[in-house]
Amino acid sequence: MAGEQSSTSDLLERTKFFRDHVVTVLNLATGSLVLSVTFLHDKADHLRSAWLLRRSWWLLFLAILFGVAYNYVLNIYLRHKGTRYGFLLEALSLCFHVTFVVAMCYLFRFGLWNM
């Protein structure tokens, strides 16, 4: 009985940690998208390499979708007490983090070109 409560407690702690991490990265992705739109509004008359900005927007949008999907599947994973959907969570996490990091690289390169 005590071992079952301990494993449930561990699962809840891990789930809370992953959820908080994903929410933080989602906030960063959303903020980056909004900030870049504001930057575009201020500097729209003389932009170089605008394709970098467009590509980063698409990747940020995908990262946000992957993050929302990850949170949804994480809730289902918790409901099944960690017995199912582990592989799907890993795949969504990989896609979420890769799209976010690549989007930040494109956004950084765009910012360097337009300083």
Protein backbone atom coordinates (compact mmCIF):
# COMPACT_ATOMS: atom_id res chain seq x y z
CA MET A 1 0.00 0.00 0.00
CA ALA A 2 2.79 2.44 0.90
CA GLY A 3 4.70 1.55 -2.29
CA GLU A 4 1.63 2.31 -4.40
CA GLN A 5 1.18 5.71 -2.74
CA SER A 6 4.88 6.44 -3.25
CA SER A 7 4.74 5.59 -6.96
CA THR A 8 1.58 7.69 -7.38
CA SER A 9 3.26 10.56 -5.56
CA ASP A 10 6.36 10.24 -7.77
CA LEU A 11 4.19 10.21 -10.89
CA LEU A 12 2.37 13.35 -9.74
CA GLU A 13 5.66 15.13 -8.98
CA ARG A 14 7.17 14.21 -12.36
CA THR A 15 3.99 15.24 -14.17
CA LYS A 16 3.92 18.58 -12.35
CA PHE A 17 7.57 19.20 -13.23
CA PHE A 18 7.03 18.41 -16.93
CA ARG A 19 3.85 20.48 -17.07
CA ASP A 20 5.60 23.49 -15.49
CA HIS A 21 8.52 23.14 -17.90
CA VAL A 22 6.25 22.95 -20.95
CA VAL A 23 4.20 25.95 -19.76
CA THR A 24 7.42 27.95 -19.36
CA VAL A 25 8.62 27.10 -22.88
CA LEU A 26 5.12 27.80 -24.25
CA ASN A 27 5.22 31.24 -22.64
CA LEU A 28 8.63 31.87 -24.20
CA ALA A 29 7.39 30.76 -27.63
CA THR A 30 4.27 32.91 -27.43
CA GLY A 31 6.24 35.91 -26.15
CA SER A 32 8.81 35.52 -28.93
CA LEU A 33 6.05 35.44 -31.52
CA VAL A 34 4.41 38.58 -30.12
CA LEU A 35 7.71 40.40 -29.68
CA SER A 36 8.80 39.66 -33.24
CA VAL A 37 5.48 40.95 -34.60
CA THR A 38 6.02 44.15 -32.62
CA PHE A 39 9.55 44.42 -33.99
CA LEU A 40 8.23 43.94 -37.52
CA HIS A 41 5.67 46.69 -36.98
CA ASP A 42 8.42 49.13 -35.91
CA LYS A 43 10.95 48.22 -38.62
CA ALA A 44 8.73 47.19 -41.53
CA ASP A 45 10.16 49.67 -44.03
CA HIS A 46 13.72 48.26 -44.21
CA LEU A 47 13.93 44.56 -43.37
CA ARG A 48 16.58 42.20 -44.66
CA SER A 49 16.18 38.43 -44.78
CA ALA A 50 12.48 38.52 -43.94
CA TRP A 51 12.29 34.82 -44.84
CA LEU A 52 14.09 34.08 -41.55
CA LEU A 53 11.32 35.83 -39.64
CA ARG A 54 8.56 34.02 -41.54
CA ARG A 55 10.23 30.66 -40.97
CA SER A 56 10.64 31.39 -37.25
CA TRP A 57 6.96 32.33 -37.02
CA TRP A 58 5.89 29.02 -38.58
CA LEU A 59 8.19 27.10 -36.26
CA LEU A 60 7.01 29.03 -33.19
CA PHE A 61 3.42 28.33 -34.18
CA LEU A 62 4.25 24.62 -34.53
CA ALA A 63 6.06 24.66 -31.17
CA ILE A 64 2.96 26.15 -29.53
CA LEU A 65 0.78 23.44 -31.09
CA PHE A 66 3.19 20.69 -30.00
CA GLY A 67 3.26 22.16 -26.47
CA VAL A 68 -0.52 22.22 -26.21
CA ALA A 69 -0.70 18.67 -27.55
CA TYR A 70 1.96 17.59 -25.03
CA ASN A 71 -0.04 19.05 -22.13
CA TYR A 72 -3.17 17.29 -23.37
CA VAL A 73 -1.46 13.91 -23.68
CA LEU A 74 0.24 14.46 -20.31
CA ASN A 75 -3.19 14.78 -18.69
CA ILE A 76 -4.29 11.52 -20.32
CA TYR A 77 -1.00 9.89 -19.25
CA LEU A 78 -1.68 10.92 -15.66
CA ARG A 79 -5.24 9.61 -15.84
CA HIS A 80 -3.86 6.20 -16.91
CA LYS A 81 -1.36 6.36 -14.02
CA GLY A 82 1.67 6.40 -16.30
CA THR A 83 0.98 3.07 -17.97
CA ARG A 84 0.21 4.30 -21.49
CA TYR A 85 1.21 7.05 -23.94
CA GLY A 86 4.82 7.31 -22.78
CA PHE A 87 6.22 7.03 -26.30
CA LEU A 88 3.79 9.65 -27.62
CA LEU A 89 4.87 12.03 -24.85
CA GLU A 90 8.53 11.51 -25.76
CA ALA A 91 7.83 12.14 -29.46
CA LEU A 92 5.79 15.28 -28.74
CA SER A 93 8.46 16.54 -26.35
CA LEU A 94 11.18 16.06 -28.96
CA CYS A 95 9.14 17.85 -31.66
CA PHE A 96 8.19 20.62 -29.23
CA HIS A 97 11.75 21.33 -28.12
CA VAL A 98 13.37 21.00 -31.55
CA THR A 99 10.89 23.35 -33.23
CA PHE A 100 11.31 25.88 -30.43
CA VAL A 101 15.13 25.83 -30.54
CA VAL A 102 15.26 26.02 -34.35
CA ALA A 103 12.72 28.88 -34.33
CA MET A 104 14.90 30.76 -31.84
CA CYS A 105 17.93 30.23 -34.09
CA TYR A 106 16.07 31.69 -37.08
CA LEU A 107 14.79 34.58 -34.98
CA PHE A 108 18.29 35.28 -33.67
CA ARG A 109 19.75 35.25 -37.19
CA PHE A 110 16.99 37.60 -38.35
CA GLY A 111 17.74 39.94 -35.45
CA LEU A 112 21.47 39.96 -36.29
CA TRP A 113 20.77 40.79 -39.94
CA ASN A 114 18.51 43.70 -38.99
CA MET A 115 20.47 45.43 -36.23
